[in-house]
N, C-alpha and C. Protein backbone atom coordinates (compact mmCIF):
# COMPACT_ATOMS: atom_id res chain seq x y z
N MET A 1 70.27 -32.59 -0.47
CA MET A 1 70.05 -33.04 -1.83
C MET A 1 68.62 -33.59 -1.94
N ASN A 2 67.79 -32.89 -2.68
CA ASN A 2 66.39 -33.29 -2.83
C ASN A 2 66.15 -33.79 -4.25
N GLU A 3 65.89 -35.05 -4.38
CA GLU A 3 65.69 -35.65 -5.69
C GLU A 3 64.25 -36.10 -5.80
N ARG A 4 63.36 -35.11 -5.94
CA ARG A 4 61.93 -35.35 -5.94
C ARG A 4 61.47 -36.18 -7.14
N HIS A 5 62.16 -36.02 -8.27
CA HIS A 5 61.73 -36.76 -9.45
C HIS A 5 61.91 -38.27 -9.25
N LEU A 6 62.92 -38.66 -8.48
CA LEU A 6 63.13 -40.08 -8.20
C LEU A 6 62.05 -40.61 -7.26
N ALA A 7 61.68 -39.81 -6.27
CA ALA A 7 60.63 -40.22 -5.35
C ALA A 7 59.30 -40.35 -6.08
N TYR A 8 59.05 -39.48 -7.06
CA TYR A 8 57.82 -39.55 -7.85
C TYR A 8 57.78 -40.85 -8.65
N LYS A 9 58.89 -41.19 -9.29
CA LYS A 9 58.96 -42.44 -10.05
C LYS A 9 58.78 -43.65 -9.15
N ALA A 10 59.36 -43.58 -7.96
CA ALA A 10 59.29 -44.71 -7.02
C ALA A 10 57.89 -44.88 -6.44
N SER A 11 57.02 -43.89 -6.61
CA SER A 11 55.67 -43.99 -6.06
C SER A 11 54.71 -44.62 -7.06
N SER A 12 55.23 -45.26 -8.11
CA SER A 12 54.38 -45.92 -9.10
C SER A 12 53.82 -47.21 -8.53
N VAL A 13 52.56 -47.47 -8.87
CA VAL A 13 51.91 -48.72 -8.47
C VAL A 13 51.30 -49.38 -9.71
N HIS A 14 51.09 -50.67 -9.63
CA HIS A 14 50.49 -51.40 -10.74
C HIS A 14 49.02 -51.03 -10.88
N LEU A 15 48.56 -51.08 -12.12
CA LEU A 15 47.14 -50.87 -12.41
C LEU A 15 46.40 -52.20 -12.31
N SER A 16 45.11 -52.14 -12.02
CA SER A 16 44.29 -53.35 -12.02
C SER A 16 44.21 -53.88 -13.46
N ARG A 17 43.77 -55.09 -13.62
CA ARG A 17 43.69 -55.69 -14.96
C ARG A 17 42.77 -54.89 -15.88
N GLU A 18 41.67 -54.39 -15.32
CA GLU A 18 40.72 -53.62 -16.12
C GLU A 18 41.35 -52.32 -16.63
N LEU A 19 42.06 -51.61 -15.74
CA LEU A 19 42.71 -50.36 -16.13
C LEU A 19 43.86 -50.63 -17.11
N ARG A 20 44.56 -51.72 -16.89
CA ARG A 20 45.66 -52.08 -17.78
C ARG A 20 45.14 -52.33 -19.20
N ALA A 21 44.00 -52.99 -19.30
CA ALA A 21 43.40 -53.23 -20.61
C ALA A 21 42.89 -51.94 -21.23
N LYS A 22 42.34 -51.06 -20.41
CA LYS A 22 41.78 -49.80 -20.91
C LYS A 22 42.87 -48.85 -21.41
N TYR A 23 43.94 -48.68 -20.64
CA TYR A 23 44.97 -47.69 -20.96
C TYR A 23 46.14 -48.25 -21.76
N GLY A 24 46.44 -49.53 -21.60
CA GLY A 24 47.51 -50.13 -22.38
C GLY A 24 48.88 -50.04 -21.73
N PHE A 25 48.97 -49.57 -20.49
CA PHE A 25 50.25 -49.58 -19.78
C PHE A 25 50.06 -50.17 -18.39
N ARG A 26 51.18 -50.45 -17.73
CA ARG A 26 51.17 -51.29 -16.54
C ARG A 26 51.12 -50.54 -15.21
N SER A 27 51.78 -49.37 -15.13
CA SER A 27 51.86 -48.69 -13.84
C SER A 27 51.77 -47.19 -14.00
N LEU A 28 51.48 -46.51 -12.88
CA LEU A 28 51.31 -45.07 -12.86
C LEU A 28 51.58 -44.59 -11.43
N PRO A 29 52.24 -43.45 -11.26
CA PRO A 29 52.44 -42.94 -9.90
C PRO A 29 51.10 -42.66 -9.21
N VAL A 30 51.00 -43.05 -7.96
CA VAL A 30 49.76 -42.87 -7.20
C VAL A 30 49.66 -41.43 -6.71
N ARG A 31 48.43 -40.92 -6.68
CA ARG A 31 48.18 -39.55 -6.22
C ARG A 31 46.97 -39.52 -5.31
N THR A 32 46.85 -38.44 -4.58
CA THR A 32 45.69 -38.24 -3.72
C THR A 32 44.43 -38.23 -4.58
N GLY A 33 43.41 -38.95 -4.14
CA GLY A 33 42.16 -39.02 -4.88
C GLY A 33 41.98 -40.31 -5.66
N ASP A 34 43.07 -41.04 -5.90
CA ASP A 34 42.97 -42.32 -6.60
C ASP A 34 42.32 -43.34 -5.67
N ARG A 35 41.70 -44.36 -6.27
CA ARG A 35 41.12 -45.45 -5.49
C ARG A 35 42.05 -46.66 -5.63
N VAL A 36 42.41 -47.25 -4.50
CA VAL A 36 43.35 -48.37 -4.50
C VAL A 36 42.79 -49.56 -3.73
N LEU A 37 43.36 -50.73 -3.99
CA LEU A 37 43.04 -51.96 -3.29
C LEU A 37 44.31 -52.46 -2.63
N ILE A 38 44.25 -52.75 -1.34
CA ILE A 38 45.42 -53.27 -0.62
C ILE A 38 45.52 -54.76 -0.91
N ILE A 39 46.70 -55.20 -1.37
CA ILE A 39 46.85 -56.61 -1.77
C ILE A 39 47.78 -57.40 -0.85
N ARG A 40 48.44 -56.73 0.12
CA ARG A 40 49.32 -57.42 1.06
C ARG A 40 49.15 -56.86 2.46
N GLY A 41 49.45 -57.69 3.44
CA GLY A 41 49.49 -57.22 4.82
C GLY A 41 48.20 -57.43 5.60
N ASP A 42 48.14 -56.81 6.78
CA ASP A 42 47.00 -56.97 7.69
C ASP A 42 45.70 -56.42 7.11
N TYR A 43 45.80 -55.46 6.24
CA TYR A 43 44.61 -54.80 5.68
C TYR A 43 44.28 -55.28 4.28
N LYS A 44 44.76 -56.46 3.91
CA LYS A 44 44.54 -57.02 2.58
C LYS A 44 43.06 -57.10 2.26
N GLY A 45 42.71 -56.70 1.04
CA GLY A 45 41.32 -56.77 0.59
C GLY A 45 40.53 -55.49 0.79
N ILE A 46 41.08 -54.54 1.53
CA ILE A 46 40.38 -53.28 1.77
C ILE A 46 40.67 -52.32 0.63
N GLU A 47 39.61 -51.66 0.16
CA GLU A 47 39.83 -50.65 -0.87
C GLU A 47 39.33 -49.31 -0.36
N GLY A 48 39.99 -48.26 -0.82
CA GLY A 48 39.62 -46.92 -0.39
C GLY A 48 40.34 -45.87 -1.21
N ASP A 49 40.00 -44.62 -0.93
CA ASP A 49 40.61 -43.50 -1.64
C ASP A 49 41.89 -43.07 -0.93
N VAL A 50 42.89 -42.69 -1.71
CA VAL A 50 44.16 -42.22 -1.16
C VAL A 50 43.95 -40.82 -0.61
N SER A 51 44.24 -40.65 0.68
CA SER A 51 44.07 -39.32 1.28
C SER A 51 45.38 -38.57 1.39
N ARG A 52 46.51 -39.30 1.40
CA ARG A 52 47.81 -38.65 1.48
C ARG A 52 48.89 -39.60 0.95
N VAL A 53 49.91 -39.02 0.31
CA VAL A 53 51.05 -39.81 -0.19
C VAL A 53 52.32 -39.26 0.46
N ASP A 54 53.07 -40.13 1.13
CA ASP A 54 54.34 -39.76 1.74
C ASP A 54 55.45 -40.40 0.90
N ARG A 55 55.97 -39.64 -0.04
CA ARG A 55 56.96 -40.19 -0.97
C ARG A 55 58.31 -40.43 -0.29
N ASN A 56 58.64 -39.65 0.72
CA ASN A 56 59.92 -39.84 1.41
C ASN A 56 59.97 -41.19 2.12
N ARG A 57 58.87 -41.58 2.74
CA ARG A 57 58.82 -42.85 3.47
C ARG A 57 58.31 -44.00 2.61
N GLY A 58 57.77 -43.70 1.42
CA GLY A 58 57.25 -44.75 0.56
C GLY A 58 55.95 -45.33 1.08
N ARG A 59 55.09 -44.48 1.65
CA ARG A 59 53.83 -44.92 2.24
C ARG A 59 52.68 -44.07 1.72
N ILE A 60 51.49 -44.67 1.72
CA ILE A 60 50.28 -43.91 1.41
C ILE A 60 49.29 -44.10 2.55
N TYR A 61 48.38 -43.16 2.69
CA TYR A 61 47.34 -43.19 3.71
C TYR A 61 46.01 -43.29 3.00
N ILE A 62 45.22 -44.29 3.38
CA ILE A 62 43.97 -44.60 2.67
C ILE A 62 42.80 -44.35 3.61
N SER A 63 41.81 -43.61 3.10
CA SER A 63 40.63 -43.36 3.92
C SER A 63 39.93 -44.69 4.20
N GLY A 64 39.55 -44.89 5.43
CA GLY A 64 38.90 -46.13 5.84
C GLY A 64 39.84 -47.12 6.50
N VAL A 65 41.15 -46.85 6.49
CA VAL A 65 42.12 -47.72 7.14
C VAL A 65 42.65 -46.97 8.36
N TYR A 66 42.08 -47.27 9.52
CA TYR A 66 42.40 -46.55 10.75
C TYR A 66 42.93 -47.50 11.81
N ARG A 67 43.67 -46.94 12.75
CA ARG A 67 44.14 -47.64 13.94
C ARG A 67 43.94 -46.70 15.11
N GLU A 68 43.67 -47.24 16.27
CA GLU A 68 43.48 -46.42 17.46
C GLU A 68 44.82 -46.20 18.14
N ASN A 69 45.15 -44.95 18.46
CA ASN A 69 46.41 -44.68 19.16
C ASN A 69 46.21 -44.80 20.67
N ALA A 70 47.25 -44.49 21.44
CA ALA A 70 47.21 -44.68 22.89
C ALA A 70 46.15 -43.82 23.57
N ARG A 71 45.84 -42.69 22.98
CA ARG A 71 44.80 -41.81 23.55
C ARG A 71 43.39 -42.20 23.14
N GLY A 72 43.29 -43.19 22.28
CA GLY A 72 41.98 -43.62 21.81
C GLY A 72 41.51 -42.88 20.56
N GLU A 73 42.38 -42.10 19.95
CA GLU A 73 42.03 -41.37 18.73
C GLU A 73 42.24 -42.25 17.51
N GLN A 74 41.46 -42.01 16.48
CA GLN A 74 41.61 -42.72 15.22
C GLN A 74 42.72 -42.07 14.40
N ARG A 75 43.65 -42.87 13.92
CA ARG A 75 44.75 -42.38 13.08
C ARG A 75 44.80 -43.21 11.80
N LEU A 76 45.13 -42.55 10.69
CA LEU A 76 45.32 -43.27 9.43
C LEU A 76 46.57 -44.13 9.53
N VAL A 77 46.51 -45.30 8.94
CA VAL A 77 47.63 -46.25 8.98
C VAL A 77 48.47 -46.08 7.71
N PRO A 78 49.80 -45.93 7.84
CA PRO A 78 50.63 -45.85 6.64
C PRO A 78 50.75 -47.24 5.99
N ILE A 79 50.45 -47.29 4.70
CA ILE A 79 50.51 -48.53 3.93
C ILE A 79 51.64 -48.42 2.92
N PRO A 80 52.52 -49.42 2.80
CA PRO A 80 53.59 -49.36 1.80
C PRO A 80 53.03 -49.23 0.39
N ILE A 81 53.68 -48.42 -0.42
CA ILE A 81 53.21 -48.18 -1.78
C ILE A 81 53.17 -49.45 -2.60
N ASN A 82 54.12 -50.35 -2.38
CA ASN A 82 54.15 -51.57 -3.18
C ASN A 82 53.13 -52.62 -2.74
N SER A 83 52.28 -52.28 -1.76
CA SER A 83 51.26 -53.22 -1.28
C SER A 83 49.87 -52.91 -1.81
N VAL A 84 49.78 -52.04 -2.82
CA VAL A 84 48.47 -51.66 -3.35
C VAL A 84 48.47 -51.73 -4.88
N ILE A 85 47.26 -51.80 -5.45
CA ILE A 85 47.08 -51.65 -6.90
C ILE A 85 46.03 -50.58 -7.13
N LEU A 86 46.16 -49.88 -8.24
CA LEU A 86 45.20 -48.84 -8.61
C LEU A 86 43.94 -49.47 -9.19
N ILE A 87 42.79 -49.04 -8.68
CA ILE A 87 41.51 -49.54 -9.18
C ILE A 87 40.82 -48.46 -10.01
N LYS A 88 40.93 -47.21 -9.55
CA LYS A 88 40.29 -46.09 -10.25
C LYS A 88 41.23 -44.90 -10.22
N ILE A 89 41.45 -44.30 -11.38
CA ILE A 89 42.36 -43.16 -11.49
C ILE A 89 41.55 -41.87 -11.43
N ASP A 90 42.02 -40.93 -10.64
CA ASP A 90 41.40 -39.60 -10.57
C ASP A 90 41.88 -38.81 -11.79
N GLU A 91 41.02 -38.66 -12.79
CA GLU A 91 41.41 -38.08 -14.07
C GLU A 91 41.11 -36.60 -14.20
N LYS A 92 40.70 -35.93 -13.14
CA LYS A 92 40.34 -34.52 -13.23
C LYS A 92 41.54 -33.62 -13.45
N ASP A 93 42.69 -34.04 -13.02
CA ASP A 93 43.90 -33.24 -13.08
C ASP A 93 44.45 -33.18 -14.50
N LYS A 94 44.70 -31.97 -15.04
CA LYS A 94 45.19 -31.85 -16.41
C LYS A 94 46.59 -32.42 -16.56
N TRP A 95 47.41 -32.33 -15.50
CA TRP A 95 48.77 -32.89 -15.56
C TRP A 95 48.71 -34.41 -15.65
N ARG A 96 47.77 -35.00 -14.93
CA ARG A 96 47.59 -36.45 -14.97
C ARG A 96 47.16 -36.89 -16.37
N GLN A 97 46.27 -36.11 -16.99
CA GLN A 97 45.83 -36.42 -18.35
C GLN A 97 47.00 -36.43 -19.33
N ARG A 98 47.91 -35.45 -19.17
CA ARG A 98 49.08 -35.39 -20.05
C ARG A 98 49.97 -36.62 -19.87
N ILE A 99 50.14 -37.04 -18.64
CA ILE A 99 50.96 -38.22 -18.35
C ILE A 99 50.34 -39.46 -19.00
N ILE A 100 49.03 -39.61 -18.85
CA ILE A 100 48.34 -40.77 -19.42
C ILE A 100 48.45 -40.78 -20.94
N GLU A 101 48.22 -39.63 -21.56
CA GLU A 101 48.32 -39.54 -23.02
C GLU A 101 49.74 -39.85 -23.50
N ARG A 102 50.75 -39.33 -22.78
CA ARG A 102 52.14 -39.58 -23.16
C ARG A 102 52.47 -41.07 -23.06
N LYS A 103 52.01 -41.71 -21.99
CA LYS A 103 52.28 -43.14 -21.82
C LYS A 103 51.56 -43.97 -22.88
N ARG A 104 50.33 -43.57 -23.21
CA ARG A 104 49.58 -44.28 -24.25
C ARG A 104 50.29 -44.19 -25.59
N LYS A 105 50.78 -42.98 -25.90
CA LYS A 105 51.47 -42.77 -27.17
C LYS A 105 52.73 -43.61 -27.25
N THR A 106 53.48 -43.68 -26.15
CA THR A 106 54.72 -44.46 -26.10
C THR A 106 54.42 -45.94 -26.30
N VAL A 107 53.39 -46.44 -25.64
CA VAL A 107 53.01 -47.85 -25.78
C VAL A 107 52.57 -48.14 -27.20
N LYS A 108 51.83 -47.21 -27.80
CA LYS A 108 51.35 -47.37 -29.18
C LYS A 108 52.53 -47.43 -30.16
N GLU A 109 53.52 -46.54 -29.97
CA GLU A 109 54.69 -46.51 -30.85
C GLU A 109 55.48 -47.82 -30.73
N VAL A 110 55.64 -48.31 -29.53
CA VAL A 110 56.40 -49.55 -29.32
C VAL A 110 55.68 -50.73 -29.96
N SER A 111 54.35 -50.79 -29.81
CA SER A 111 53.61 -51.90 -30.38
C SER A 111 53.59 -51.86 -31.90
N GLU A 112 53.59 -50.65 -32.50
CA GLU A 112 53.60 -50.53 -33.94
C GLU A 112 54.99 -50.80 -34.52
N GLY A 113 56.02 -50.58 -33.69
CA GLY A 113 57.39 -50.72 -34.15
C GLY A 113 57.81 -52.15 -34.43
N GLY A 114 57.07 -53.12 -33.92
CA GLY A 114 57.44 -54.49 -34.17
C GLY A 114 58.01 -55.15 -32.93
N ALA A 115 59.30 -55.11 -32.81
CA ALA A 115 60.05 -55.67 -31.69
C ALA A 115 59.44 -56.89 -31.21
């Protein structure tokens, strides 16, 4: 049973304050090419580009975050998805643009509706 749509939803991370003000929504699924800041754990404060997303394990791999293995080789360290925030969104992807526009429209409708 492969429920990829649930894994995609679970890979959402919070946006930085600047992005939240710019786009008007709070979170977005992380993708390869996005720039993130690590906010928890041993690598707190490090920012880098996402090089790989492992949705099954709930981890992302960030360029610049390495650990040496037993052979002395550099390996990317898996970072939990909930330990990062988005700083810069890779907007080149047309599918990503559609998602952003859809979320903006939904936020706009809710804010105009009153509630």
